[in-house]
Amino acid sequence: MKPLKEFTIPFVGLKIAKHHFDYKVEQAFFDYFEYEDFNNVNVHVKVDLEKKTTLLELHFKISGFVNVNCDLTNEPFDQTIENEFDLVVKFGEEYNDENIDILVLPHGAYEFNIQQYIYELIVLSVPVKRIHPGVDDGSLNSEILEKLEELSPKLNKNEENIEKDIDPRWNTLKKLLTDK
């Protein structure tokens, strides 16, 4: 996969100081990675790079939204996301990205690409369970929610009477389960 040029940082010409980079990530970025869980993306990425004599320190901060489908109703909604990540870039004999927080570039490198870090930061910022906010507050009207309500088990009067007719000796045994 060829890296996107806009996410390549040429650090050789930068002075020893703090530098700021802004990126706007949209759906085309995730199309490039062939990631299809998002319907639409609008995320602002801020990268603060502090160049020091022997290493580089990067601080990533993202904020925005990704449009995803609800896991319960399959209705699309905008999931707001915010996240931060710190990365240290050191120099060594050969390229090494085995450690999550440390990237080792070979001596003589003059640039590096941050697109993979941005991609992972955004994807990992989305909650595992995506529930439409209208489901929680009851404002979402959906055929799927109505069908789920219709098919959900209801406690009828016969079941209530059966619970009342249980032999009282079993209640003593039930206490053993709760007395821990």
N, C-alpha and C. Protein backbone atom coordinates (compact mmCIF):
# COMPACT_ATOMS: atom_id res chain seq x y z
N MET A 1 0.85 -1.17 0.00
CA MET A 1 0.00 0.00 0.00
C MET A 1 0.90 1.24 0.00
N LYS A 2 0.71 2.07 -0.98
CA LYS A 2 1.52 3.27 -1.12
C LYS A 2 1.04 4.33 -0.12
N PRO A 3 1.95 4.95 0.62
CA PRO A 3 1.52 5.93 1.62
C PRO A 3 0.96 7.21 0.98
N LEU A 4 0.02 7.81 1.67
CA LEU A 4 -0.54 9.09 1.24
C LEU A 4 0.46 10.20 1.54
N LYS A 5 0.77 11.01 0.55
CA LYS A 5 1.81 12.02 0.71
C LYS A 5 1.45 13.10 1.73
N GLU A 6 0.17 13.41 1.86
CA GLU A 6 -0.21 14.49 2.77
C GLU A 6 0.05 14.16 4.23
N PHE A 7 0.22 12.86 4.55
CA PHE A 7 0.48 12.45 5.93
C PHE A 7 1.96 12.14 6.17
N THR A 8 2.81 12.51 5.24
CA THR A 8 4.24 12.32 5.40
C THR A 8 4.85 13.59 5.99
N ILE A 9 5.61 13.43 7.06
CA ILE A 9 6.24 14.57 7.73
C ILE A 9 7.75 14.53 7.44
N PRO A 10 8.26 15.49 6.66
CA PRO A 10 9.72 15.58 6.45
C PRO A 10 10.34 16.35 7.62
N PHE A 11 10.97 15.64 8.54
CA PHE A 11 11.45 16.27 9.76
C PHE A 11 12.88 16.79 9.65
N VAL A 12 13.61 16.48 8.58
CA VAL A 12 15.01 16.88 8.47
C VAL A 12 15.15 18.40 8.42
N GLY A 13 14.29 19.09 7.72
CA GLY A 13 14.40 20.54 7.58
C GLY A 13 13.81 21.33 8.73
N LEU A 14 13.23 20.67 9.71
CA LEU A 14 12.60 21.37 10.82
C LEU A 14 13.62 21.75 11.89
N LYS A 15 13.41 22.90 12.50
CA LYS A 15 14.28 23.35 13.59
C LYS A 15 13.97 22.56 14.86
N ILE A 16 14.90 22.59 15.80
CA ILE A 16 14.67 21.94 17.09
C ILE A 16 13.71 22.84 17.88
N ALA A 17 12.44 22.47 17.84
CA ALA A 17 11.37 23.24 18.48
C ALA A 17 10.07 22.45 18.32
N LYS A 18 8.96 23.08 18.72
CA LYS A 18 7.65 22.46 18.54
C LYS A 18 7.06 22.90 17.20
N HIS A 19 6.40 21.95 16.55
CA HIS A 19 5.76 22.21 15.27
C HIS A 19 4.35 21.64 15.31
N HIS A 20 3.44 22.29 14.59
CA HIS A 20 2.04 21.90 14.63
C HIS A 20 1.56 21.55 13.22
N PHE A 21 0.82 20.43 13.11
CA PHE A 21 0.25 20.00 11.84
C PHE A 21 -1.23 19.72 12.04
N ASP A 22 -2.05 20.17 11.07
CA ASP A 22 -3.49 19.94 11.10
C ASP A 22 -3.89 19.11 9.89
N TYR A 23 -4.77 18.14 10.12
CA TYR A 23 -5.27 17.31 9.04
C TYR A 23 -6.78 17.18 9.18
N LYS A 24 -7.45 17.10 8.05
CA LYS A 24 -8.88 16.83 8.04
C LYS A 24 -9.06 15.47 7.37
N VAL A 25 -9.63 14.53 8.13
CA VAL A 25 -9.82 13.17 7.63
C VAL A 25 -11.29 13.00 7.24
N GLU A 26 -11.49 12.53 6.02
CA GLU A 26 -12.84 12.31 5.51
C GLU A 26 -12.97 10.87 5.02
N GLN A 27 -14.09 10.54 4.43
CA GLN A 27 -14.39 9.17 4.03
C GLN A 27 -13.37 8.61 3.03
N ALA A 28 -12.80 9.44 2.17
CA ALA A 28 -11.82 8.98 1.17
C ALA A 28 -10.60 8.34 1.84
N PHE A 29 -10.25 8.81 3.02
CA PHE A 29 -9.13 8.25 3.77
C PHE A 29 -9.39 6.79 4.11
N PHE A 30 -10.61 6.49 4.56
CA PHE A 30 -10.95 5.11 4.92
C PHE A 30 -11.24 4.25 3.70
N ASP A 31 -11.65 4.87 2.59
CA ASP A 31 -11.77 4.13 1.34
C ASP A 31 -10.40 3.64 0.89
N TYR A 32 -9.38 4.44 1.13
CA TYR A 32 -8.00 4.08 0.79
C TYR A 32 -7.57 2.83 1.57
N PHE A 33 -7.99 2.73 2.83
CA PHE A 33 -7.66 1.57 3.66
C PHE A 33 -8.65 0.40 3.45
N GLU A 34 -9.66 0.62 2.61
CA GLU A 34 -10.71 -0.37 2.34
C GLU A 34 -11.45 -0.75 3.62
N TYR A 35 -11.69 0.24 4.47
CA TYR A 35 -12.42 0.06 5.72
C TYR A 35 -13.85 0.52 5.49
N GLU A 36 -14.82 -0.38 5.64
CA GLU A 36 -16.18 -0.09 5.23
C GLU A 36 -17.18 0.04 6.37
N ASP A 37 -16.73 0.14 7.63
CA ASP A 37 -17.66 0.26 8.75
C ASP A 37 -18.25 1.66 8.88
N PHE A 38 -17.61 2.66 8.30
CA PHE A 38 -18.08 4.03 8.42
C PHE A 38 -18.85 4.44 7.16
N ASN A 39 -19.98 5.13 7.36
CA ASN A 39 -20.74 5.68 6.23
C ASN A 39 -20.17 7.02 5.80
N ASN A 40 -19.74 7.80 6.78
CA ASN A 40 -19.17 9.12 6.52
C ASN A 40 -18.23 9.47 7.67
N VAL A 41 -17.23 10.27 7.38
CA VAL A 41 -16.24 10.63 8.40
C VAL A 41 -15.94 12.11 8.29
N ASN A 42 -15.86 12.77 9.44
CA ASN A 42 -15.41 14.16 9.50
C ASN A 42 -14.64 14.32 10.81
N VAL A 43 -13.33 14.11 10.73
CA VAL A 43 -12.49 14.13 11.92
C VAL A 43 -11.36 15.11 11.70
N HIS A 44 -11.12 15.94 12.71
CA HIS A 44 -10.01 16.89 12.69
C HIS A 44 -8.87 16.31 13.52
N VAL A 45 -7.69 16.24 12.92
CA VAL A 45 -6.52 15.67 13.59
C VAL A 45 -5.50 16.78 13.81
N LYS A 46 -5.06 16.92 15.05
CA LYS A 46 -3.99 17.87 15.39
C LYS A 46 -2.78 17.06 15.82
N VAL A 47 -1.66 17.35 15.22
CA VAL A 47 -0.42 16.66 15.57
C VAL A 47 0.60 17.70 16.00
N ASP A 48 1.06 17.58 17.23
CA ASP A 48 2.12 18.44 17.74
C ASP A 48 3.41 17.63 17.75
N LEU A 49 4.39 18.11 17.00
CA LEU A 49 5.68 17.43 16.91
C LEU A 49 6.72 18.29 17.60
N GLU A 50 7.40 17.70 18.56
CA GLU A 50 8.50 18.40 19.21
C GLU A 50 9.79 17.71 18.79
N LYS A 51 10.60 18.47 18.04
CA LYS A 51 11.86 17.92 17.57
C LYS A 51 12.94 18.21 18.60
N LYS A 52 13.63 17.15 19.00
CA LYS A 52 14.75 17.27 19.93
C LYS A 52 16.00 16.78 19.22
N THR A 53 17.14 16.86 19.86
CA THR A 53 18.39 16.52 19.18
C THR A 53 18.47 15.04 18.80
N THR A 54 17.94 14.15 19.63
CA THR A 54 18.09 12.72 19.34
C THR A 54 16.77 12.00 19.08
N LEU A 55 15.65 12.67 19.25
CA LEU A 55 14.36 12.01 19.03
C LEU A 55 13.29 13.02 18.68
N LEU A 56 12.13 12.47 18.32
CA LEU A 56 10.95 13.29 18.02
C LEU A 56 9.81 12.82 18.92
N GLU A 57 9.07 13.77 19.46
CA GLU A 57 7.89 13.43 20.26
C GLU A 57 6.66 13.96 19.53
N LEU A 58 5.69 13.09 19.34
CA LEU A 58 4.45 13.46 18.66
C LEU A 58 3.28 13.27 19.59
N HIS A 59 2.36 14.22 19.55
CA HIS A 59 1.12 14.14 20.32
C HIS A 59 -0.03 14.29 19.32
N PHE A 60 -0.82 13.22 19.18
CA PHE A 60 -1.98 13.22 18.29
C PHE A 60 -3.22 13.52 19.11
N LYS A 61 -4.10 14.36 18.56
CA LYS A 61 -5.38 14.65 19.20
C LYS A 61 -6.43 14.69 18.10
N ILE A 62 -7.47 13.86 18.26
CA ILE A 62 -8.53 13.83 17.25
C ILE A 62 -9.85 14.22 17.88
N SER A 63 -10.71 14.82 17.05
CA SER A 63 -12.07 15.13 17.46
C SER A 63 -12.93 15.25 16.21
N GLY A 64 -14.16 14.84 16.34
CA GLY A 64 -15.07 14.90 15.20
C GLY A 64 -16.14 13.84 15.33
N PHE A 65 -16.62 13.36 14.17
CA PHE A 65 -17.64 12.32 14.19
C PHE A 65 -17.42 11.33 13.06
N VAL A 66 -17.93 10.13 13.28
CA VAL A 66 -18.01 9.13 12.24
C VAL A 66 -19.47 8.68 12.17
N ASN A 67 -19.99 8.54 10.97
CA ASN A 67 -21.36 8.10 10.79
C ASN A 67 -21.33 6.58 10.68
N VAL A 68 -21.97 5.90 11.64
CA VAL A 68 -21.99 4.44 11.69
C VAL A 68 -23.44 3.97 11.81
N ASN A 69 -23.66 2.69 11.58
CA ASN A 69 -24.99 2.12 11.75
C ASN A 69 -25.13 1.58 13.17
N CYS A 70 -26.30 1.78 13.73
CA CYS A 70 -26.61 1.30 15.08
C CYS A 70 -26.61 -0.23 15.08
N ASP A 71 -26.06 -0.81 16.14
CA ASP A 71 -26.02 -2.27 16.24
C ASP A 71 -27.40 -2.88 16.50
N LEU A 72 -28.33 -2.12 17.06
CA LEU A 72 -29.66 -2.64 17.34
C LEU A 72 -30.64 -2.42 16.19
N THR A 73 -30.65 -1.22 15.63
CA THR A 73 -31.66 -0.86 14.64
C THR A 73 -31.12 -0.74 13.22
N ASN A 74 -29.83 -0.72 13.08
CA ASN A 74 -29.15 -0.52 11.78
C ASN A 74 -29.43 0.86 11.19
N GLU A 75 -29.90 1.79 12.01
CA GLU A 75 -30.12 3.16 11.59
C GLU A 75 -28.79 3.91 11.64
N PRO A 76 -28.43 4.68 10.61
CA PRO A 76 -27.18 5.44 10.66
C PRO A 76 -27.29 6.63 11.62
N PHE A 77 -26.19 6.92 12.31
CA PHE A 77 -26.13 8.09 13.19
C PHE A 77 -24.69 8.55 13.31
N ASP A 78 -24.51 9.80 13.74
CA ASP A 78 -23.18 10.38 13.91
C ASP A 78 -22.67 10.09 15.31
N GLN A 79 -21.59 9.32 15.40
CA GLN A 79 -20.95 8.99 16.67
C GLN A 79 -19.80 9.96 16.87
N THR A 80 -19.88 10.79 17.91
CA THR A 80 -18.78 11.71 18.17
C THR A 80 -17.62 10.94 18.78
N ILE A 81 -16.41 11.33 18.40
CA ILE A 81 -15.22 10.67 18.91
C ILE A 81 -14.19 11.71 19.31
N GLU A 82 -13.44 11.40 20.33
CA GLU A 82 -12.30 12.20 20.77
C GLU A 82 -11.28 11.23 21.33
N ASN A 83 -10.00 11.49 21.04
CA ASN A 83 -8.96 10.62 21.55
C ASN A 83 -7.62 11.32 21.44
N GLU A 84 -6.65 10.81 22.19
CA GLU A 84 -5.29 11.35 22.16
C GLU A 84 -4.30 10.19 22.17
N PHE A 85 -3.11 10.45 21.64
CA PHE A 85 -2.09 9.41 21.56
C PHE A 85 -0.73 10.08 21.50
N ASP A 86 0.24 9.51 22.22
CA ASP A 86 1.61 10.01 22.20
C ASP A 86 2.51 8.98 21.54
N LEU A 87 3.44 9.47 20.72
CA LEU A 87 4.38 8.61 20.02
C LEU A 87 5.77 9.21 20.11
N VAL A 88 6.75 8.36 20.38
CA VAL A 88 8.16 8.78 20.41
C VAL A 88 8.85 8.14 19.22
N VAL A 89 9.55 8.96 18.44
CA VAL A 89 10.30 8.46 17.29
C VAL A 89 11.78 8.55 17.63
N LYS A 90 12.43 7.40 17.64
CA LYS A 90 13.86 7.31 17.93
C LYS A 90 14.58 6.85 16.67
N PHE A 91 15.90 6.89 16.71
CA PHE A 91 16.69 6.46 15.57
C PHE A 91 17.59 5.31 15.98
N GLY A 92 17.69 4.30 15.11
CA GLY A 92 18.48 3.12 15.42
C GLY A 92 19.01 2.49 14.15
N GLU A 93 19.40 1.22 14.27
CA GLU A 93 19.99 0.49 13.15
C GLU A 93 18.99 0.22 12.03
N GLU A 94 17.77 -0.21 12.42
CA GLU A 94 16.78 -0.55 11.40
C GLU A 94 15.39 -0.15 11.88
N TYR A 95 14.44 -0.12 10.92
CA TYR A 95 13.06 0.24 11.20
C TYR A 95 12.45 -0.77 12.17
N ASN A 96 11.74 -0.27 13.20
CA ASN A 96 11.12 -1.14 14.18
C ASN A 96 9.88 -0.44 14.75
N ASP A 97 8.73 -1.03 14.55
CA ASP A 97 7.49 -0.48 15.11
C ASP A 97 6.77 -1.50 15.99
N GLU A 98 7.53 -2.40 16.62
CA GLU A 98 6.95 -3.43 17.47
C GLU A 98 6.33 -2.86 18.73
N ASN A 99 6.90 -1.81 19.29
CA ASN A 99 6.36 -1.17 20.48
C ASN A 99 5.28 -0.17 20.04
N ILE A 100 4.17 -0.13 20.75
CA ILE A 100 3.05 0.73 20.37
C ILE A 100 3.42 2.21 20.44
N ASP A 101 4.14 2.60 21.48
CA ASP A 101 4.42 4.02 21.72
C ASP A 101 5.75 4.49 21.16
N ILE A 102 6.57 3.58 20.63
CA ILE A 102 7.90 3.95 20.16
C ILE A 102 8.09 3.45 18.73
N LEU A 103 8.51 4.35 17.87
CA LEU A 103 8.85 4.02 16.49
C LEU A 103 10.34 4.25 16.32
N VAL A 104 11.05 3.24 15.82
CA VAL A 104 12.48 3.38 15.58
C VAL A 104 12.70 3.48 14.08
N LEU A 105 13.29 4.58 13.65
CA LEU A 105 13.62 4.79 12.25
C LEU A 105 15.11 4.56 12.05
N PRO A 106 15.51 4.07 10.88
CA PRO A 106 16.94 3.88 10.64
C PRO A 106 17.66 5.23 10.55
N HIS A 107 18.93 5.23 10.94
CA HIS A 107 19.74 6.45 10.79
C HIS A 107 19.73 6.85 9.32
N GLY A 108 19.63 8.11 9.05
CA GLY A 108 19.59 8.59 7.68
C GLY A 108 18.18 8.83 7.16
N ALA A 109 17.17 8.42 7.90
CA ALA A 109 15.79 8.68 7.49
C ALA A 109 15.53 10.17 7.59
N TYR A 110 14.77 10.68 6.67
CA TYR A 110 14.50 12.12 6.67
C TYR A 110 13.02 12.45 6.75
N GLU A 111 12.15 11.42 6.68
CA GLU A 111 10.71 11.63 6.78
C GLU A 111 10.06 10.34 7.26
N PHE A 112 8.81 10.47 7.74
CA PHE A 112 8.03 9.29 8.10
C PHE A 112 6.56 9.62 7.91
N ASN A 113 5.77 8.57 7.73
CA ASN A 113 4.36 8.73 7.44
C ASN A 113 3.53 8.35 8.67
N ILE A 114 2.53 9.17 8.99
CA ILE A 114 1.72 8.97 10.19
C ILE A 114 0.31 8.48 9.88
N GLN A 115 0.03 8.12 8.63
CA GLN A 115 -1.34 7.74 8.27
C GLN A 115 -1.83 6.51 9.03
N GLN A 116 -0.97 5.53 9.28
CA GLN A 116 -1.40 4.32 10.00
C GLN A 116 -1.77 4.65 11.44
N TYR A 117 -1.04 5.55 12.08
CA TYR A 117 -1.35 5.94 13.46
C TYR A 117 -2.68 6.68 13.53
N ILE A 118 -2.95 7.53 12.55
CA ILE A 118 -4.22 8.26 12.51
C ILE A 118 -5.37 7.29 12.28
N TYR A 119 -5.18 6.37 11.36
CA TYR A 119 -6.20 5.36 11.05
C TYR A 119 -6.55 4.55 12.30
N GLU A 120 -5.55 4.03 12.98
CA GLU A 120 -5.79 3.21 14.17
C GLU A 120 -6.40 4.02 15.30
N LEU A 121 -5.98 5.27 15.46
CA LEU A 121 -6.52 6.12 16.52
C LEU A 121 -8.01 6.38 16.31
N ILE A 122 -8.42 6.61 15.08
CA ILE A 122 -9.83 6.87 14.80
C ILE A 122 -10.65 5.59 14.96
N VAL A 123 -10.18 4.50 14.40
CA VAL A 123 -10.94 3.24 14.48
C VAL A 123 -11.09 2.78 15.93
N LEU A 124 -10.04 2.93 16.72
CA LEU A 124 -10.11 2.50 18.12
C LEU A 124 -10.88 3.47 19.01
N SER A 125 -11.20 4.65 18.51
CA SER A 125 -11.98 5.63 19.28
C SER A 125 -13.48 5.34 19.23
N VAL A 126 -13.90 4.59 18.25
CA VAL A 126 -15.32 4.28 18.10
C VAL A 126 -15.69 3.18 19.11
N PRO A 127 -16.77 3.37 19.87
CA PRO A 127 -17.16 2.34 20.84
C PRO A 127 -17.42 0.99 20.18
N VAL A 128 -17.20 -0.08 20.92
CA VAL A 128 -17.42 -1.42 20.38
C VAL A 128 -18.91 -1.63 20.11
N LYS A 129 -19.74 -1.19 21.05
CA LYS A 129 -21.19 -1.30 20.87
C LYS A 129 -21.72 0.07 20.48
N ARG A 130 -22.25 0.14 19.28
CA ARG A 130 -22.74 1.42 18.74
C ARG A 130 -24.26 1.46 18.83
N ILE A 131 -24.76 2.30 19.72
CA ILE A 131 -26.20 2.39 19.91
C ILE A 131 -26.66 3.81 19.61
N HIS A 132 -27.65 3.91 18.75
CA HIS A 132 -28.21 5.21 18.35
C HIS A 132 -28.70 5.93 19.60
N PRO A 133 -28.40 7.24 19.73
CA PRO A 133 -28.85 7.98 20.93
C PRO A 133 -30.37 7.98 21.08
N GLY A 134 -31.10 7.85 19.99
CA GLY A 134 -32.56 7.81 20.05
C GLY A 134 -33.09 6.54 20.70
N VAL A 135 -32.31 5.48 20.71
CA VAL A 135 -32.73 4.23 21.37
C VAL A 135 -32.72 4.42 22.88
N ASP A 136 -31.68 5.08 23.40
CA ASP A 136 -31.57 5.29 24.84
C ASP A 136 -32.66 6.21 25.39
N ASP A 137 -32.93 7.31 24.68
CA ASP A 137 -33.92 8.26 25.20
C ASP A 137 -35.34 7.99 24.68
N GLY A 138 -35.52 6.99 23.81
CA GLY A 138 -36.84 6.61 23.34
C GLY A 138 -37.39 7.48 22.23
N SER A 139 -36.60 8.35 21.66
CA SER A 139 -37.10 9.25 20.62
C SER A 139 -37.01 8.66 19.21
N LEU A 140 -36.32 7.54 19.05
CA LEU A 140 -36.16 6.95 17.72
C LEU A 140 -37.35 6.08 17.39
N ASN A 141 -38.00 6.37 16.27
CA ASN A 141 -39.09 5.55 15.78
C ASN A 141 -38.56 4.69 14.64
N SER A 142 -38.52 3.40 14.89
CA SER A 142 -37.95 2.49 13.90
C SER A 142 -38.79 1.24 13.83
N GLU A 143 -38.94 0.68 12.62
CA GLU A 143 -39.69 -0.56 12.46
C GLU A 143 -39.02 -1.70 13.22
N ILE A 144 -37.71 -1.68 13.24
CA ILE A 144 -36.96 -2.74 13.91
C ILE A 144 -37.22 -2.71 15.42
N LEU A 145 -37.22 -1.50 16.01
CA LEU A 145 -37.50 -1.39 17.45
C LEU A 145 -38.92 -1.84 17.78
N GLU A 146 -39.87 -1.49 16.92
CA GLU A 146 -41.24 -1.91 17.14
C GLU A 146 -41.36 -3.43 17.06
N LYS A 147 -40.67 -4.04 16.12
CA LYS A 147 -40.71 -5.50 15.98
C LYS A 147 -40.04 -6.18 17.18
N LEU A 148 -38.93 -5.60 17.66
CA LEU A 148 -38.27 -6.16 18.85
C LEU A 148 -39.19 -6.09 20.07
N GLU A 149 -39.91 -4.99 20.21
CA GLU A 149 -40.84 -4.84 21.33
C GLU A 149 -41.98 -5.85 21.21
N GLU A 150 -42.45 -6.04 20.00
CA GLU A 150 -43.55 -6.97 19.75
C GLU A 150 -43.14 -8.41 20.06
N LEU A 151 -41.91 -8.75 19.73
CA LEU A 151 -41.44 -10.13 19.91
C LEU A 151 -40.80 -10.40 21.27
N SER A 152 -40.64 -9.37 22.07
CA SER A 152 -40.01 -9.58 23.38
C SER A 152 -40.95 -10.38 24.28
N PRO A 153 -40.38 -11.24 25.12
CA PRO A 153 -41.24 -12.07 25.99
C PRO A 153 -41.96 -11.21 27.02
N LYS A 154 -43.23 -11.50 27.19
CA LYS A 154 -44.06 -10.77 28.16
C LYS A 154 -44.38 -11.70 29.32
N LEU A 155 -44.42 -11.17 30.51
CA LEU A 155 -44.77 -11.95 31.70
C LEU A 155 -46.29 -11.91 31.84
N ASN A 156 -46.93 -13.03 31.65
CA ASN A 156 -48.40 -13.01 31.75
C ASN A 156 -48.85 -13.43 33.16
N LYS A 157 -50.14 -13.39 33.40
CA LYS A 157 -50.68 -13.64 34.74
C LYS A 157 -50.47 -15.08 35.18
N ASN A 158 -50.50 -16.03 34.26
CA ASN A 158 -50.30 -17.44 34.62
C ASN A 158 -48.91 -17.66 35.20
N GLU A 159 -47.91 -17.02 34.64
CA GLU A 159 -46.54 -17.17 35.14
C GLU A 159 -46.40 -16.55 36.53
N GLU A 160 -47.10 -15.45 36.76
CA GLU A 160 -47.05 -14.82 38.09
C GLU A 160 -47.65 -15.75 39.14
N ASN A 161 -48.76 -16.43 38.80
CA ASN A 161 -49.41 -17.36 39.74
C ASN A 161 -48.51 -18.55 40.02
N ILE A 162 -47.81 -19.03 39.02
CA ILE A 162 -46.92 -20.17 39.20
C ILE A 162 -45.82 -19.82 40.19
N GLU A 163 -45.29 -18.59 40.09
CA GLU A 163 -44.24 -18.18 41.02
C GLU A 163 -44.77 -18.10 42.45
N LYS A 164 -46.04 -17.74 42.64
CA LYS A 164 -46.62 -17.66 43.98
C LYS A 164 -46.85 -19.04 44.57
N ASP A 165 -47.08 -20.05 43.71
CA ASP A 165 -47.40 -21.40 44.17
C ASP A 165 -46.15 -22.25 44.44
N ILE A 166 -44.98 -21.67 44.45
CA ILE A 166 -43.76 -22.43 44.70
C ILE A 166 -43.71 -22.84 46.16
N ASP A 167 -43.27 -24.06 46.38
CA ASP A 167 -43.13 -24.61 47.73
C ASP A 167 -42.18 -23.71 48.54
N PRO A 168 -42.56 -23.24 49.72
CA PRO A 168 -41.73 -22.31 50.51
C PRO A 168 -40.38 -22.88 50.92
N ARG A 169 -40.23 -24.21 50.90
CA ARG A 169 -38.94 -24.79 51.25
C ARG A 169 -37.87 -24.43 50.21
N TRP A 170 -38.28 -24.19 48.97
CA TRP A 170 -37.31 -23.81 47.93
C TRP A 170 -36.78 -22.40 48.18
N ASN A 171 -37.57 -21.56 48.80
CA ASN A 171 -37.12 -20.20 49.10
C ASN A 171 -35.92 -20.21 50.03
N THR A 172 -35.90 -21.15 50.97
CA THR A 172 -34.76 -21.28 51.88
C THR A 172 -33.51 -21.66 51.10
N LEU A 173 -33.67 -22.54 50.12
CA LEU A 173 -32.52 -22.93 49.29
C LEU A 173 -32.04 -21.76 48.41
N LYS A 174 -32.96 -20.93 47.96
CA LYS A 174 -32.58 -19.77 47.14
C LYS A 174 -31.72 -18.80 47.94
N LYS A 175 -31.94 -18.75 49.26
CA LYS A 175 -31.14 -17.86 50.10
C LYS A 175 -29.67 -18.27 50.10
N LEU A 176 -29.41 -19.56 49.97
CA LEU A 176 -28.03 -20.04 49.94
C LEU A 176 -27.27 -19.47 48.74
N LEU A 177 -27.97 -19.26 47.63
CA LEU A 177 -27.34 -18.70 46.44
C LEU A 177 -26.97 -17.23 46.63
N THR A 178 -27.76 -16.53 47.41
CA THR A 178 -27.53 -15.09 47.58
C THR A 178 -26.70 -14.76 48.81
N ASP A 179 -26.48 -15.70 49.73
CA ASP A 179 -25.71 -15.45 50.95
C ASP A 179 -24.24 -15.74 50.72
N LYS A 180 -23.59 -14.92 49.95
CA LYS A 180 -22.14 -15.12 49.69
C LYS A 180 -21.35 -14.00 50.26
